[in-house]
Amino acid sequence: MELVGQNEEPDEKAGEIVDGEGIAAEQLGRFIDRIERLEEEKSAIATNVKEVYAEAKSQGFDPKIMRKIVRLRTMDPHEVDEEEAMIHLYKQALGMK
């Protein structure tokens, strides 16, 4: 096990070295490592998504509208209906068609 500082105490439950503040250093390190890997994967996926939108745009599709469709498809149909009704109501209130 890796030592954290001078005020380390063994944690009987987790079997890890705990610093003076009661933090299991090894467990925290594993969580941080996992988060960093996931952030890297998220960045790579975001880049891939941007590339797909760019490809769709080059084929004549509107990425802004596509993003809205993707968002709507993730919503519950009842939520979509509610949102569309509210948009219609707001547009009427503003004198829009």
Protein backbone atom coordinates (compact mmCIF):
# COMPACT_ATOMS: atom_id res chain seq x y z
CA MET A 1 0.00 0.00 0.00
CA GLU A 2 1.12 3.52 -0.77
CA LEU A 3 1.82 5.90 2.10
CA VAL A 4 0.19 9.31 2.06
CA GLY A 5 1.73 11.33 4.86
CA GLN A 6 3.12 11.25 8.37
CA ASN A 7 -0.27 11.01 10.13
CA GLU A 8 -1.28 7.71 8.55
CA GLU A 9 -3.37 5.18 10.40
CA PRO A 10 -4.50 1.75 9.27
CA ASP A 11 -8.17 1.51 8.34
CA GLU A 12 -9.38 -1.80 9.74
CA LYS A 13 -12.52 -1.96 7.55
CA ALA A 14 -10.97 -1.29 4.15
CA GLY A 15 -7.48 -2.62 4.88
CA GLU A 16 -5.98 0.60 3.52
CA ILE A 17 -3.70 3.29 4.82
CA VAL A 18 -5.77 6.26 5.94
CA ASP A 19 -4.32 9.73 6.38
CA GLY A 20 -4.93 11.91 9.44
CA GLU A 21 -8.18 13.20 7.95
CA GLY A 22 -9.65 9.70 7.54
CA ILE A 23 -9.23 9.48 3.75
CA ALA A 24 -8.46 6.09 2.23
CA ALA A 25 -5.72 7.22 -0.15
CA GLU A 26 -5.59 4.15 -2.37
CA GLN A 27 -9.36 4.05 -2.85
CA LEU A 28 -9.42 7.78 -3.65
CA GLY A 29 -6.61 7.29 -6.16
CA ARG A 30 -8.54 4.51 -7.90
CA PHE A 31 -11.63 6.71 -8.17
CA ILE A 32 -9.57 9.58 -9.60
CA ASP A 33 -7.91 7.23 -12.13
CA ARG A 34 -11.31 5.90 -13.26
CA ILE A 35 -12.72 9.42 -13.62
CA GLU A 36 -9.71 10.53 -15.66
CA ARG A 37 -10.06 7.54 -18.03
CA LEU A 38 -13.78 8.20 -18.45
CA GLU A 39 -13.13 11.90 -19.15
CA GLU A 40 -10.66 10.88 -21.88
CA GLU A 41 -13.25 8.52 -23.39
CA LYS A 42 -15.92 11.23 -23.18
CA SER A 43 -13.64 13.65 -25.05
CA ALA A 44 -12.99 11.08 -27.78
CA ILE A 45 -16.72 10.37 -28.12
CA ALA A 46 -17.51 14.10 -28.30
CA THR A 47 -14.99 14.44 -31.13
CA ASN A 48 -16.63 11.53 -32.97
CA VAL A 49 -20.09 13.07 -32.55
CA LYS A 50 -18.81 16.40 -33.95
CA GLU A 51 -17.41 14.56 -36.95
CA VAL A 52 -20.77 12.86 -37.62
CA TYR A 53 -22.59 16.21 -37.46
CA ALA A 54 -20.00 17.70 -39.85
CA GLU A 55 -20.48 14.79 -42.24
CA ALA A 56 -24.27 15.17 -42.08
CA LYS A 57 -23.91 18.91 -42.75
CA SER A 58 -21.76 18.19 -45.80
CA GLN A 59 -24.62 15.99 -47.06
CA GLY A 60 -27.10 18.88 -46.71
CA PHE A 61 -28.60 18.17 -43.27
CA ASP A 62 -28.99 20.86 -40.61
CA PRO A 63 -26.98 19.89 -37.49
CA LYS A 64 -28.95 22.28 -35.28
CA ILE A 65 -32.21 20.54 -36.16
CA MET A 66 -30.55 17.12 -35.86
CA ARG A 67 -29.42 17.99 -32.30
CA LYS A 68 -33.00 18.92 -31.43
CA ILE A 69 -34.28 15.64 -32.86
CA VAL A 70 -31.67 13.66 -30.91
CA ARG A 71 -32.71 15.47 -27.70
CA LEU A 72 -36.40 14.87 -28.39
CA ARG A 73 -35.80 11.16 -29.00
CA THR A 74 -34.25 10.81 -25.55
CA MET A 75 -37.29 12.36 -23.89
CA ASP A 76 -40.45 10.64 -22.73
CA PRO A 77 -43.24 11.18 -25.32
CA HIS A 78 -45.39 12.89 -22.66
CA GLU A 79 -42.54 15.37 -21.97
CA VAL A 80 -42.22 16.07 -25.70
CA ASP A 81 -45.95 16.79 -25.94
CA GLU A 82 -45.76 19.10 -22.91
CA GLU A 83 -42.78 20.98 -24.33
CA GLU A 84 -44.41 21.41 -27.73
CA ALA A 85 -47.64 22.63 -26.10
CA MET A 86 -45.71 25.19 -24.05
CA ILE A 87 -43.82 26.41 -27.11
CA HIS A 88 -47.12 26.78 -28.97
CA LEU A 89 -48.63 28.68 -26.02
CA TYR A 90 -45.63 31.03 -25.77
CA LYS A 91 -45.65 31.66 -29.51
CA GLN A 92 -49.37 32.54 -29.37
CA ALA A 93 -48.75 34.89 -26.45
CA LEU A 94 -46.09 36.67 -28.52
CA GLY A 95 -48.27 36.87 -31.61
CA MET A 96 -46.19 34.36 -33.53
CA LYS A 97 -47.69 31.65 -35.74
